[in-house]
């Protein structure tokens, strides 16, 4: 099967293995360790992560914070229910997904009620543009003035059913920079205790920001990888993180990306570009700031990332393609078969994989 098609990254995911609730405590999740050189597999736990890393290694995490981006409202003219998922903001406008979207037109007003205890009037969300696949662009003076908190809810993935979880469990313990439409789920496993154990073992810690957007929610609509176009996501890599990476390189340590979002950010930096253009400087202490639409696929020249902590992903997605590009398509197929046989838990609230 061609590695140039999304169908090559399919696998049979038993529905009962899709985790519906997070593991307690966070680092009690199981960990499947994949050795890229030998192809070997080892069953472990996230709590034992320090066992698999070395003094001098550097963990790089995504400190983005999920915003209450899911808005449930109604069309002002007909009263028909509409759900809007805000993805990322560019100036006064939001890129978003709408459901149902077919009857939305530029100028359509969606009214979103505030939480009852706020005493606020409904917010008016105005559709500015529409495009295929349910994508829209919206603006809202009310949301600009009052913020999202009174009107929105956390955008849990559609495969999470049942009672809502504690909102704090869909945030990492180090989430500080608001802006994501989804959590960087590999980081959900990290506790303060785990971080302390890693520091004692000589493993460094650095942060960056990538605000997770559309490609996390959307399965590709084409089969050929060449025909897929990634959506842009905002990235900030602080100067301190760049310096930590350089020092890790100098001393022979490994850069461990916590999650595919951290990996894509680092590889965008390593390639000297964001979406094909040089990463922009904002003048703030040498931070790198910009937008990336980098699609990492087999054949990618990995310049920064040496190891990756990641979750088990939805079949036939860009995330499956990325981890296959890092380990090899066959290694990931073997690892996923093992995980299914051993009843690992999959997707956002599931178990983890360490590729070294």
C-alpha atoms as a PDB file:
ATOM      1  CA  UNK A   1       0.000   0.000   0.000  1.00  0.00           C
ATOM      2  CA  UNK A   2       1.364   3.415  -0.978  1.00  0.00           C
ATOM      3  CA  UNK A   3       2.656   5.595   1.849  1.00  0.00           C
ATOM      4  CA  UNK A   4       1.467   8.571  -0.213  1.00  0.00           C
ATOM      5  CA  UNK A   5      -2.203   7.899   0.600  1.00  0.00           C
ATOM      6  CA  UNK A   6      -4.099   8.462   3.845  1.00  0.00           C
ATOM      7  CA  UNK A   7      -5.588   4.999   3.470  1.00  0.00           C
ATOM      8  CA  UNK A   8      -2.120   3.613   4.276  1.00  0.00           C
ATOM      9  CA  UNK A   9      -2.514   5.032   7.779  1.00  0.00           C
ATOM     10  CA  UNK A  10      -5.728   3.209   8.618  1.00  0.00           C
ATOM     11  CA  UNK A  11      -6.173   0.635  11.362  1.00  0.00           C
ATOM     12  CA  UNK A  12      -9.186  -1.088  12.968  1.00  0.00           C
ATOM     13  CA  UNK A  13      -9.914   0.800  16.206  1.00  0.00           C
ATOM     14  CA  UNK A  14     -12.330  -1.090  18.473  1.00  0.00           C
ATOM     15  CA  UNK A  15     -14.845   1.477  19.809  1.00  0.00           C
ATOM     16  CA  UNK A  16     -14.513   0.123  23.342  1.00  0.00           C
ATOM     17  CA  UNK A  17     -10.837   1.144  23.372  1.00  0.00           C
ATOM     18  CA  UNK A  18     -11.667   4.834  22.871  1.00  0.00           C
ATOM     19  CA  UNK A  19     -11.130   6.269  26.353  1.00  0.00           C
ATOM     20  CA  UNK A  20     -14.166   8.178  27.605  1.00  0.00           C
ATOM     21  CA  UNK A  21     -12.649   9.457  30.841  1.00  0.00           C
ATOM     22  CA  UNK A  22      -9.101  10.462  31.740  1.00  0.00           C
ATOM     23  CA  UNK A  23      -6.826   8.266  33.810  1.00  0.00           C
ATOM     24  CA  UNK A  24      -6.454   9.140  37.487  1.00  0.00           C
ATOM     25  CA  UNK A  25      -3.886  10.192  38.375  1.00  0.00           C
ATOM     26  CA  UNK A  26      -2.736  11.620  35.074  1.00  0.00           C
ATOM     27  CA  UNK A  27       0.582   9.786  34.959  1.00  0.00           C
ATOM     28  CA  UNK A  28      -1.011   6.402  35.714  1.00  0.00           C
ATOM     29  CA  UNK A  29      -1.653   6.059  31.972  1.00  0.00           C
ATOM     30  CA  UNK A  30       0.124   3.200  30.247  1.00  0.00           C
ATOM     31  CA  UNK A  31       3.111   3.944  28.036  1.00  0.00           C
ATOM     32  CA  UNK A  32       4.157   1.971  24.971  1.00  0.00           C
ATOM     33  CA  UNK A  33       7.841   2.573  24.233  1.00  0.00           C
ATOM     34  CA  UNK A  34       8.888   2.225  20.586  1.00  0.00           C
ATOM     35  CA  UNK A  35      12.594   1.934  19.747  1.00  0.00           C
ATOM     36  CA  UNK A  36      13.092   3.380  16.266  1.00  0.00           C
ATOM     37  CA  UNK A  37      16.463   1.725  15.744  1.00  0.00           C
ATOM     38  CA  UNK A  38      15.505  -1.832  16.659  1.00  0.00           C
ATOM     39  CA  UNK A  39      11.751  -1.757  16.226  1.00  0.00           C
ATOM     40  CA  UNK A  40      11.430  -3.146  19.741  1.00  0.00           C
ATOM     41  CA  UNK A  41       8.408  -2.482  21.961  1.00  0.00           C
ATOM     42  CA  UNK A  42       8.165  -2.232  25.744  1.00  0.00           C
ATOM     43  CA  UNK A  43       5.117  -1.829  27.969  1.00  0.00           C
ATOM     44  CA  UNK A  44       5.550   0.743  30.719  1.00  0.00           C
ATOM     45  CA  UNK A  45       3.670   3.641  32.322  1.00  0.00           C
ATOM     46  CA  UNK A  46       3.910   7.405  32.034  1.00  0.00           C
ATOM     47  CA  UNK A  47       4.886   7.537  35.713  1.00  0.00           C
ATOM     48  CA  UNK A  48       8.078   5.676  34.713  1.00  0.00           C
ATOM     49  CA  UNK A  49       8.969   8.107  31.918  1.00  0.00           C
ATOM     50  CA  UNK A  50      12.262   9.077  33.571  1.00  0.00           C
ATOM     51  CA  UNK A  51      13.399   5.470  33.163  1.00  0.00           C
ATOM     52  CA  UNK A  52      13.379   5.903  29.391  1.00  0.00           C
ATOM     53  CA  UNK A  53      15.072   9.300  29.248  1.00  0.00           C
ATOM     54  CA  UNK A  54      18.634  10.325  30.062  1.00  0.00           C
ATOM     55  CA  UNK A  55      20.296  13.115  31.983  1.00  0.00           C
ATOM     56  CA  UNK A  56      20.845  15.921  29.501  1.00  0.00           C
ATOM     57  CA  UNK A  57      17.654  15.260  27.538  1.00  0.00           C
ATOM     58  CA  UNK A  58      15.202  18.144  27.105  1.00  0.00           C
ATOM     59  CA  UNK A  59      11.417  17.856  27.199  1.00  0.00           C
ATOM     60  CA  UNK A  60       9.654  20.518  25.120  1.00  0.00           C
ATOM     61  CA  UNK A  61       5.979  21.013  25.934  1.00  0.00           C
ATOM     62  CA  UNK A  62       3.145  23.051  24.422  1.00  0.00           C
ATOM     63  CA  UNK A  63       1.783  25.470  27.034  1.00  0.00           C
ATOM     64  CA  UNK A  64      -1.339  26.434  25.092  1.00  0.00           C
ATOM     65  CA  UNK A  65      -4.605  26.615  27.022  1.00  0.00           C
ATOM     66  CA  UNK A  66      -7.937  25.462  25.596  1.00  0.00           C
ATOM     67  CA  UNK A  67     -10.523  28.227  25.333  1.00  0.00           C
ATOM     68  CA  UNK A  68     -14.318  27.788  25.709  1.00  0.00           C
ATOM     69  CA  UNK A  69     -14.610  27.764  21.935  1.00  0.00           C
ATOM     70  CA  UNK A  70     -17.843  25.794  21.450  1.00  0.00           C
ATOM     71  CA  UNK A  71     -20.823  28.132  21.049  1.00  0.00           C
ATOM     72  CA  UNK A  72     -24.375  26.789  20.937  1.00  0.00           C
ATOM     73  CA  UNK A  73     -26.820  29.302  19.497  1.00  0.00           C
ATOM     74  CA  UNK A  74     -29.694  29.910  17.122  1.00  0.00           C
ATOM     75  CA  UNK A  75     -30.215  31.848  13.932  1.00  0.00           C
ATOM     76  CA  UNK A  76     -31.859  35.167  14.696  1.00  0.00           C
ATOM     77  CA  UNK A  77     -34.199  35.017  11.702  1.00  0.00           C
ATOM     78  CA  UNK A  78     -35.496  31.434  12.050  1.00  0.00           C
ATOM     79  CA  UNK A  79     -34.551  30.248  15.528  1.00  0.00           C
ATOM     80  CA  UNK A  80     -32.817  27.185  14.027  1.00  0.00           C
ATOM     81  CA  UNK A  81     -30.112  25.711  16.247  1.00  0.00           C
ATOM     82  CA  UNK A  82     -26.502  26.305  15.188  1.00  0.00           C
ATOM     83  CA  UNK A  83     -23.237  25.230  16.800  1.00  0.00           C
ATOM     84  CA  UNK A  84     -20.099  27.265  16.116  1.00  0.00           C
ATOM     85  CA  UNK A  85     -16.613  26.056  17.002  1.00  0.00           C
ATOM     86  CA  UNK A  86     -14.105  28.907  17.093  1.00  0.00           C
ATOM     87  CA  UNK A  87     -10.719  27.784  15.773  1.00  0.00           C
ATOM     88  CA  UNK A  88      -8.322  30.687  15.671  1.00  0.00           C
ATOM     89  CA  UNK A  89      -8.452  34.434  15.715  1.00  0.00           C
ATOM     90  CA  UNK A  90      -6.858  36.737  13.185  1.00  0.00           C
ATOM     91  CA  UNK A  91      -7.480  40.375  14.054  1.00  0.00           C
ATOM     92  CA  UNK A  92     -11.210  41.035  14.603  1.00  0.00           C
ATOM     93  CA  UNK A  93     -12.252  37.798  12.877  1.00  0.00           C
ATOM     94  CA  UNK A  94     -12.479  34.167  13.957  1.00  0.00           C
ATOM     95  CA  UNK A  95     -12.049  31.184  11.689  1.00  0.00           C
ATOM     96  CA  UNK A  96     -14.633  28.641  12.755  1.00  0.00           C
ATOM     97  CA  UNK A  97     -16.585  25.502  11.951  1.00  0.00           C
ATOM     98  CA  UNK A  98     -20.385  25.582  11.933  1.00  0.00           C
ATOM     99  CA  UNK A  99     -22.948  22.812  12.196  1.00  0.00           C
ATOM    100  CA  UNK A 100     -25.226  22.804  10.285  1.00  0.00           C
ATOM    101  CA  UNK A 101     -23.529  25.220   7.912  1.00  0.00           C
ATOM    102  CA  UNK A 102     -25.447  24.843   4.637  1.00  0.00           C
ATOM    103  CA  UNK A 103     -27.978  27.590   5.347  1.00  0.00           C
ATOM    104  CA  UNK A 104     -25.528  30.096   6.769  1.00  0.00           C
ATOM    105  CA  UNK A 105     -24.800  33.083   4.565  1.00  0.00           C
ATOM    106  CA  UNK A 106     -22.687  36.216   4.982  1.00  0.00           C
ATOM    107  CA  UNK A 107     -24.706  38.489   7.227  1.00  0.00           C
ATOM    108  CA  UNK A 108     -26.439  35.667   9.119  1.00  0.00           C
ATOM    109  CA  UNK A 109     -26.626  36.461  12.839  1.00  0.00           C
ATOM    110  CA  UNK A 110     -26.323  33.645  15.380  1.00  0.00           C
ATOM    111  CA  UNK A 111     -27.451  34.494  18.913  1.00  0.00           C
ATOM    112  CA  UNK A 112     -25.652  32.694  21.742  1.00  0.00           C
ATOM    113  CA  UNK A 113     -27.085  32.729  25.271  1.00  0.00           C
ATOM    114  CA  UNK A 114     -24.836  33.493  28.214  1.00  0.00           C
ATOM    115  CA  UNK A 115     -24.686  31.297  31.290  1.00  0.00           C
ATOM    116  CA  UNK A 116     -27.697  31.985  33.504  1.00  0.00           C
ATOM    117  CA  UNK A 117     -25.710  33.315  36.444  1.00  0.00           C
ATOM    118  CA  UNK A 118     -24.039  36.066  34.407  1.00  0.00           C
ATOM    119  CA  UNK A 119     -27.067  38.254  33.722  1.00  0.00           C
ATOM    120  CA  UNK A 120     -25.672  39.019  30.268  1.00  0.00           C
ATOM    121  CA  UNK A 121     -27.770  39.401  27.139  1.00  0.00           C
ATOM    122  CA  UNK A 122     -27.218  36.934  24.271  1.00  0.00           C
ATOM    123  CA  UNK A 123     -24.112  37.539  22.175  1.00  0.00           C
ATOM    124  CA  UNK A 124     -24.568  38.239  18.471  1.00  0.00           C
ATOM    125  CA  UNK A 125     -22.142  36.336  16.247  1.00  0.00           C
ATOM    126  CA  UNK A 126     -22.129  37.579  12.651  1.00  0.00           C
ATOM    127  CA  UNK A 127     -21.154  35.324   9.747  1.00  0.00           C
ATOM    128  CA  UNK A 128     -18.717  37.267   7.557  1.00  0.00           C
ATOM    129  CA  UNK A 129     -17.687  34.570   5.056  1.00  0.00           C
ATOM    130  CA  UNK A 130     -18.553  30.964   4.261  1.00  0.00           C
ATOM    131  CA  UNK A 131     -16.593  28.243   2.475  1.00  0.00           C
ATOM    132  CA  UNK A 132     -16.700  24.504   1.901  1.00  0.00           C
ATOM    133  CA  UNK A 133     -16.617  21.891   4.618  1.00  0.00           C
ATOM    134  CA  UNK A 134     -18.534  23.936   7.164  1.00  0.00           C
ATOM    135  CA  UNK A 135     -15.786  26.517   7.520  1.00  0.00           C
ATOM    136  CA  UNK A 136     -16.905  30.062   8.214  1.00  0.00           C
ATOM    137  CA  UNK A 137     -15.440  33.367   9.341  1.00  0.00           C
ATOM    138  CA  UNK A 138     -17.282  35.249  12.073  1.00  0.00           C
ATOM    139  CA  UNK A 139     -17.059  38.418  14.124  1.00  0.00           C
ATOM    140  CA  UNK A 140     -18.723  39.457  17.371  1.00  0.00           C
ATOM    141  CA  UNK A 141     -18.525  42.756  19.196  1.00  0.00           C
ATOM    142  CA  UNK A 142     -20.254  41.088  22.161  1.00  0.00           C
ATOM    143  CA  UNK A 143     -17.633  38.339  22.456  1.00  0.00           C
ATOM    144  CA  UNK A 144     -14.882  40.921  22.060  1.00  0.00           C
ATOM    145  CA  UNK A 145     -16.357  42.919  24.938  1.00  0.00           C
ATOM    146  CA  UNK A 146     -17.369  40.149  27.366  1.00  0.00           C
ATOM    147  CA  UNK A 147     -14.945  37.369  26.400  1.00  0.00           C
ATOM    148  CA  UNK A 148     -15.773  33.736  25.637  1.00  0.00           C
ATOM    149  CA  UNK A 149     -16.169  32.469  29.196  1.00  0.00           C
ATOM    150  CA  UNK A 150     -19.825  33.510  29.709  1.00  0.00           C
ATOM    151  CA  UNK A 151     -20.951  32.025  26.382  1.00  0.00           C
ATOM    152  CA  UNK A 152     -18.765  29.096  25.403  1.00  0.00           C
ATOM    153  CA  UNK A 153     -17.978  25.567  26.511  1.00  0.00           C
ATOM    154  CA  UNK A 154     -14.816  23.492  26.241  1.00  0.00           C
ATOM    155  CA  UNK A 155     -14.736  21.770  22.832  1.00  0.00           C
ATOM    156  CA  UNK A 156     -14.373  18.122  23.818  1.00  0.00           C
ATOM    157  CA  UNK A 157     -13.789  15.778  20.854  1.00  0.00           C
ATOM    158  CA  UNK A 158     -16.938  14.271  19.292  1.00  0.00           C
ATOM    159  CA  UNK A 159     -15.915  10.743  20.290  1.00  0.00           C
ATOM    160  CA  UNK A 160     -16.142  11.667  23.996  1.00  0.00           C
ATOM    161  CA  UNK A 161     -19.662  10.807  25.153  1.00  0.00           C
ATOM    162  CA  UNK A 162     -21.556  10.886  28.419  1.00  0.00           C
ATOM    163  CA  UNK A 163     -21.241  13.333  31.289  1.00  0.00           C
ATOM    164  CA  UNK A 164     -18.822  16.252  30.887  1.00  0.00           C
ATOM    165  CA  UNK A 165     -15.474  15.786  32.577  1.00  0.00           C
ATOM    166  CA  UNK A 166     -13.967  18.267  34.986  1.00  0.00           C
ATOM    167  CA  UNK A 167     -12.890  21.071  32.609  1.00  0.00           C
ATOM    168  CA  UNK A 168      -9.499  21.110  34.291  1.00  0.00           C
ATOM    169  CA  UNK A 169      -8.810  17.572  33.071  1.00  0.00           C
ATOM    170  CA  UNK A 170      -8.912  18.787  29.472  1.00  0.00           C
ATOM    171  CA  UNK A 171      -6.075  21.201  30.224  1.00  0.00           C
ATOM    172  CA  UNK A 172      -2.435  20.372  30.841  1.00  0.00           C
ATOM    173  CA  UNK A 173      -1.089  21.211  34.290  1.00  0.00           C
ATOM    174  CA  UNK A 174       1.128  23.872  32.692  1.00  0.00           C
ATOM    175  CA  UNK A 175      -1.433  25.446  30.320  1.00  0.00           C
ATOM    176  CA  UNK A 176      -0.975  29.221  30.494  1.00  0.00           C
ATOM    177  CA  UNK A 177      -1.414  30.794  27.044  1.00  0.00           C
ATOM    178  CA  UNK A 178      -5.065  30.852  25.954  1.00  0.00           C
ATOM    179  CA  UNK A 179      -5.935  30.166  22.330  1.00  0.00           C
ATOM    180  CA  UNK A 180      -6.468  26.474  21.491  1.00  0.00           C
ATOM    181  CA  UNK A 181      -9.592  24.790  20.168  1.00  0.00           C
ATOM    182  CA  UNK A 182      -8.295  21.450  21.496  1.00  0.00           C
ATOM    183  CA  UNK A 183      -5.862  20.232  24.121  1.00  0.00           C
ATOM    184  CA  UNK A 184      -2.340  19.052  23.240  1.00  0.00           C
ATOM    185  CA  UNK A 185      -3.284  15.660  24.610  1.00  0.00           C
ATOM    186  CA  UNK A 186       0.142  14.085  25.156  1.00  0.00           C
ATOM    187  CA  UNK A 187       0.718  16.726  27.808  1.00  0.00           C
ATOM    188  CA  UNK A 188      -2.433  15.739  29.703  1.00  0.00           C
ATOM    189  CA  UNK A 189      -0.395  12.925  31.278  1.00  0.00           C
ATOM    190  CA  UNK A 190       2.161  15.206  32.923  1.00  0.00           C
ATOM    191  CA  UNK A 191       1.837  15.876  36.659  1.00  0.00           C
ATOM    192  CA  UNK A 192       3.894  18.147  38.877  1.00  0.00           C
ATOM    193  CA  UNK A 193       5.285  15.023  40.537  1.00  0.00           C
ATOM    194  CA  UNK A 194       6.364  13.540  37.206  1.00  0.00           C
ATOM    195  CA  UNK A 195       8.014  16.806  36.271  1.00  0.00           C
ATOM    196  CA  UNK A 196       9.916  16.841  39.574  1.00  0.00           C
ATOM    197  CA  UNK A 197      11.131  13.279  39.006  1.00  0.00           C
ATOM    198  CA  UNK A 198      12.336  14.188  35.535  1.00  0.00           C
ATOM    199  CA  UNK A 199      14.209  17.221  36.842  1.00  0.00           C
ATOM    200  CA  UNK A 200      15.882  15.073  39.518  1.00  0.00           C
ATOM    201  CA  UNK A 201      16.916  12.680  36.751  1.00  0.00           C
ATOM    202  CA  UNK A 202      18.619  15.547  34.916  1.00  0.00           C
ATOM    203  CA  UNK A 203      15.982  16.017  32.212  1.00  0.00           C
ATOM    204  CA  UNK A 204      15.421  19.630  31.175  1.00  0.00           C
ATOM    205  CA  UNK A 205      12.112  21.406  30.593  1.00  0.00           C
ATOM    206  CA  UNK A 206      11.228  24.013  27.967  1.00  0.00           C
ATOM    207  CA  UNK A 207       7.984  25.451  26.642  1.00  0.00           C
ATOM    208  CA  UNK A 208       6.531  26.735  23.399  1.00  0.00           C
ATOM    209  CA  UNK A 209       3.055  27.663  22.224  1.00  0.00           C
ATOM    210  CA  UNK A 210       1.062  26.258  19.328  1.00  0.00           C
ATOM    211  CA  UNK A 211      -2.666  27.002  19.323  1.00  0.00           C
ATOM    212  CA  UNK A 212      -4.365  23.839  18.075  1.00  0.00           C
ATOM    213  CA  UNK A 213      -6.754  24.412  15.167  1.00  0.00           C
ATOM    214  CA  UNK A 214      -8.778  22.747  12.440  1.00  0.00           C
ATOM    215  CA  UNK A 215      -6.626  19.777  11.439  1.00  0.00           C
ATOM    216  CA  UNK A 216      -7.093  18.242  14.879  1.00  0.00           C
ATOM    217  CA  UNK A 217     -10.863  18.135  14.293  1.00  0.00           C
ATOM    218  CA  UNK A 218     -11.003  17.387  10.597  1.00  0.00           C
ATOM    219  CA  UNK A 219     -10.228  14.092   8.902  1.00  0.00           C
ATOM    220  CA  UNK A 220      -8.784  14.642   5.428  1.00  0.00           C
ATOM    221  CA  UNK A 221     -11.255  14.836   2.560  1.00  0.00           C
ATOM    222  CA  UNK A 222      -8.735  13.529   0.006  1.00  0.00           C
ATOM    223  CA  UNK A 223      -6.726  10.307  -0.091  1.00  0.00           C
ATOM    224  CA  UNK A 224      -3.487  11.450  -1.702  1.00  0.00           C
ATOM    225  CA  UNK A 225      -1.160  13.213   0.722  1.00  0.00           C
ATOM    226  CA  UNK A 226      -0.120  15.528  -2.091  1.00  0.00           C
ATOM    227  CA  UNK A 227      -3.677  16.839  -2.322  1.00  0.00           C
ATOM    228  CA  UNK A 228      -4.035  17.688   1.371  1.00  0.00           C
ATOM    229  CA  UNK A 229      -3.482  21.235   2.584  1.00  0.00           C
ATOM    230  CA  UNK A 230      -2.847  21.911   6.242  1.00  0.00           C
ATOM    231  CA  UNK A 231      -4.517  24.840   7.972  1.00  0.00           C
ATOM    232  CA  UNK A 232      -2.347  27.456   9.622  1.00  0.00           C
ATOM    233  CA  UNK A 233      -1.740  27.386  13.360  1.00  0.00           C
ATOM    234  CA  UNK A 234      -0.145  30.078  15.503  1.00  0.00           C
ATOM    235  CA  UNK A 235       3.288  29.309  16.958  1.00  0.00           C
ATOM    236  CA  UNK A 236       5.551  31.047  19.461  1.00  0.00           C
ATOM    237  CA  UNK A 237       8.941  29.598  20.395  1.00  0.00           C
ATOM    238  CA  UNK A 238      10.606  31.631  23.163  1.00  0.00           C
ATOM    239  CA  UNK A 239      14.273  32.510  22.991  1.00  0.00           C
ATOM    240  CA  UNK A 240      14.842  30.559  26.213  1.00  0.00           C
ATOM    241  CA  UNK A 241      13.536  27.417  24.536  1.00  0.00           C
ATOM    242  CA  UNK A 242      15.748  27.949  21.503  1.00  0.00           C
ATOM    243  CA  UNK A 243      18.748  28.402  23.808  1.00  0.00           C
ATOM    244  CA  UNK A 244      17.862  25.255  25.759  1.00  0.00           C
ATOM    245  CA  UNK A 245      17.673  23.264  22.525  1.00  0.00           C
ATOM    246  CA  UNK A 246      21.065  24.573  21.407  1.00  0.00           C
ATOM    247  CA  UNK A 247      22.652  23.639  24.750  1.00  0.00           C
ATOM    248  CA  UNK A 248      21.054  20.196  24.626  1.00  0.00           C
ATOM    249  CA  UNK A 249      22.538  19.668  21.185  1.00  0.00           C
ATOM    250  CA  UNK A 250      25.976  20.803  22.352  1.00  0.00           C
ATOM    251  CA  UNK A 251      26.016  18.321  25.243  1.00  0.00           C
ATOM    252  CA  UNK A 252      24.687  15.343  23.271  1.00  0.00           C
ATOM    253  CA  UNK A 253      21.216  15.290  24.810  1.00  0.00           C
ATOM    254  CA  UNK A 254      17.981  14.514  23.012  1.00  0.00           C
ATOM    255  CA  UNK A 255      15.134  16.915  22.274  1.00  0.00           C
ATOM    256  CA  UNK A 256      11.925  15.171  23.369  1.00  0.00           C
ATOM    257  CA  UNK A 257       8.800  16.702  21.851  1.00  0.00           C
ATOM    258  CA  UNK A 258       5.770  16.264  24.102  1.00  0.00           C
ATOM    259  CA  UNK A 259       3.021  15.844  21.531  1.00  0.00           C
ATOM    260  CA  UNK A 260       2.675  16.286  17.810  1.00  0.00           C
ATOM    261  CA  UNK A 261       2.012  20.011  18.258  1.00  0.00           C
ATOM    262  CA  UNK A 262       5.394  20.525  19.910  1.00  0.00           C
ATOM    263  CA  UNK A 263       7.009  18.382  17.225  1.00  0.00           C
ATOM    264  CA  UNK A 264       5.454  20.386  14.393  1.00  0.00           C
ATOM    265  CA  UNK A 265       6.459  23.663  16.011  1.00  0.00           C
ATOM    266  CA  UNK A 266      10.060  22.536  16.476  1.00  0.00           C
ATOM    267  CA  UNK A 267      10.347  21.142  12.975  1.00  0.00           C
ATOM    268  CA  UNK A 268       8.915  24.360  11.543  1.00  0.00           C
ATOM    269  CA  UNK A 269      11.667  26.199  13.369  1.00  0.00           C
ATOM    270  CA  UNK A 270      14.268  23.688  12.248  1.00  0.00           C
ATOM    271  CA  UNK A 271      13.271  24.095   8.631  1.00  0.00           C
ATOM    272  CA  UNK A 272      13.651  27.861   8.980  1.00  0.00           C
ATOM    273  CA  UNK A 273      10.107  28.469   7.889  1.00  0.00           C
ATOM    274  CA  UNK A 274       6.471  28.627   8.863  1.00  0.00           C
ATOM    275  CA  UNK A 275       4.240  27.623   5.995  1.00  0.00           C
ATOM    276  CA  UNK A 276       7.076  28.059   3.516  1.00  0.00           C
ATOM    277  CA  UNK A 277       8.085  31.516   4.741  1.00  0.00           C
ATOM    278  CA  UNK A 278      10.822  32.510   7.203  1.00  0.00           C
ATOM    279  CA  UNK A 279       9.566  32.477  10.774  1.00  0.00           C
ATOM    280  CA  UNK A 280       8.972  36.065  11.825  1.00  0.00           C
ATOM    281  CA  UNK A 281      10.645  37.830  14.758  1.00  0.00           C
ATOM    282  CA  UNK A 282       8.415  39.997  16.955  1.00  0.00           C
ATOM    283  CA  UNK A 283      11.360  41.703  18.608  1.00  0.00           C
ATOM    284  CA  UNK A 284      10.583  40.257  22.047  1.00  0.00           C
ATOM    285  CA  UNK A 285      13.809  38.750  23.362  1.00  0.00           C
ATOM    286  CA  UNK A 286      14.376  36.892  20.121  1.00  0.00           C
ATOM    287  CA  UNK A 287      11.186  34.845  20.333  1.00  0.00           C
ATOM    288  CA  UNK A 288      10.113  33.242  17.071  1.00  0.00           C
ATOM    289  CA  UNK A 289       6.488  34.013  16.256  1.00  0.00           C
ATOM    290  CA  UNK A 290       4.399  33.113  13.248  1.00  0.00           C
ATOM    291  CA  UNK A 291       2.034  30.620  11.663  1.00  0.00           C
ATOM    292  CA  UNK A 292       2.775  27.117  10.447  1.00  0.00           C
ATOM    293  CA  UNK A 293       1.072  24.916   7.894  1.00  0.00           C
ATOM    294  CA  UNK A 294       3.891  22.360   7.797  1.00  0.00           C
ATOM    295  CA  UNK A 295       2.662  18.883   6.820  1.00  0.00           C
ATOM    296  CA  UNK A 296       5.112  16.312   8.197  1.00  0.00           C
ATOM    297  CA  UNK A 297       5.026  13.102   6.179  1.00  0.00           C
ATOM    298  CA  UNK A 298       7.379  10.217   5.322  1.00  0.00           C
ATOM    299  CA  UNK A 299      10.567  11.619   3.861  1.00  0.00           C
ATOM    300  CA  UNK A 300      10.588  14.618   6.204  1.00  0.00           C
ATOM    301  CA  UNK A 301      14.084  15.709   7.258  1.00  0.00           C
ATOM    302  CA  UNK A 302      13.878  15.738  11.062  1.00  0.00           C
ATOM    303  CA  UNK A 303      16.188  18.524  12.215  1.00  0.00           C
ATOM    304  CA  UNK A 304      15.221  19.145  15.846  1.00  0.00           C
ATOM    305  CA  UNK A 305      13.121  16.345  17.360  1.00  0.00           C
ATOM    306  CA  UNK A 306      14.963  13.245  18.608  1.00  0.00           C
ATOM    307  CA  UNK A 307      12.148  11.581  20.572  1.00  0.00           C
ATOM    308  CA  UNK A 308       8.412  12.067  20.878  1.00  0.00           C
ATOM    309  CA  UNK A 309       5.787  11.464  23.551  1.00  0.00           C
ATOM    310  CA  UNK A 310       2.389  11.172  21.894  1.00  0.00           C
ATOM    311  CA  UNK A 311      -1.052   9.626  22.268  1.00  0.00           C
ATOM    312  CA  UNK A 312      -2.698   7.045  20.011  1.00  0.00           C
ATOM    313  CA  UNK A 313      -4.376   8.872  17.144  1.00  0.00           C
ATOM    314  CA  UNK A 314      -7.483   8.662  14.972  1.00  0.00           C
ATOM    315  CA  UNK A 315      -6.911   6.522  11.844  1.00  0.00           C
ATOM    316  CA  UNK A 316      -6.123   8.171   8.494  1.00  0.00           C
ATOM    317  CA  UNK A 317      -5.232  11.573   9.936  1.00  0.00           C
ATOM    318  CA  UNK A 318      -2.276  13.908   9.562  1.00  0.00           C
ATOM    319  CA  UNK A 319      -1.209  12.935  13.098  1.00  0.00           C
ATOM    320  CA  UNK A 320      -0.950   9.274  12.087  1.00  0.00           C
ATOM    321  CA  UNK A 321       1.105  10.367   9.098  1.00  0.00           C
ATOM    322  CA  UNK A 322       3.413  12.419  11.326  1.00  0.00           C
ATOM    323  CA  UNK A 323       4.204   9.678  13.840  1.00  0.00           C
ATOM    324  CA  UNK A 324       4.714   7.250  10.949  1.00  0.00           C
ATOM    325  CA  UNK A 325       7.159   9.702   9.415  1.00  0.00           C
ATOM    326  CA  UNK A 326       9.063   9.773  12.698  1.00  0.00           C
ATOM    327  CA  UNK A 327       9.187   6.061  13.481  1.00  0.00           C
ATOM    328  CA  UNK A 328       8.380   4.459  10.082  1.00  0.00           C
ATOM    329  CA  UNK A 329       5.054   3.324   8.735  1.00  0.00           C
ATOM    330  CA  UNK A 330       5.692  -0.326   9.565  1.00  0.00           C
ATOM    331  CA  UNK A 331       6.892   0.418  13.115  1.00  0.00           C
ATOM    332  CA  UNK A 332       3.719   2.351  13.860  1.00  0.00           C
ATOM    333  CA  UNK A 333       1.536  -0.383  12.367  1.00  0.00           C
ATOM    334  CA  UNK A 334       3.260  -2.931  14.581  1.00  0.00           C
ATOM    335  CA  UNK A 335       2.989  -0.703  17.649  1.00  0.00           C
ATOM    336  CA  UNK A 336      -0.714  -0.049  17.104  1.00  0.00           C
ATOM    337  CA  UNK A 337      -1.439  -3.746  16.611  1.00  0.00           C
ATOM    338  CA  UNK A 338       0.347  -4.436  19.890  1.00  0.00           C
ATOM    339  CA  UNK A 339      -1.556  -1.659  21.658  1.00  0.00           C
ATOM    340  CA  UNK A 340      -4.889  -3.041  20.463  1.00  0.00           C
ATOM    341  CA  UNK A 341      -3.948  -6.587  21.439  1.00  0.00           C
ATOM    342  CA  UNK A 342      -2.896  -5.369  24.899  1.00  0.00           C
ATOM    343  CA  UNK A 343      -6.059  -3.270  25.309  1.00  0.00           C
ATOM    344  CA  UNK A 344      -4.404   0.108  25.543  1.00  0.00           C
ATOM    345  CA  UNK A 345      -6.779   3.085  25.737  1.00  0.00           C
ATOM    346  CA  UNK A 346      -6.890   5.292  22.643  1.00  0.00           C
ATOM    347  CA  UNK A 347      -7.294   8.953  21.609  1.00  0.00           C
ATOM    348  CA  UNK A 348      -7.464  12.118  23.740  1.00  0.00           C
ATOM    349  CA  UNK A 349      -8.035  10.576  27.185  1.00  0.00           C
ATOM    350  CA  UNK A 350      -6.144   7.407  26.342  1.00  0.00           C
ATOM    351  CA  UNK A 351      -2.671   6.038  26.956  1.00  0.00           C
ATOM    352  CA  UNK A 352       0.620   7.260  25.530  1.00  0.00           C
ATOM    353  CA  UNK A 353       3.472   6.195  23.284  1.00  0.00           C
ATOM    354  CA  UNK A 354       7.121   7.196  23.598  1.00  0.00           C
ATOM    355  CA  UNK A 355       9.080   6.963  20.354  1.00  0.00           C
ATOM    356  CA  UNK A 356      12.838   7.010  20.993  1.00  0.00           C
END
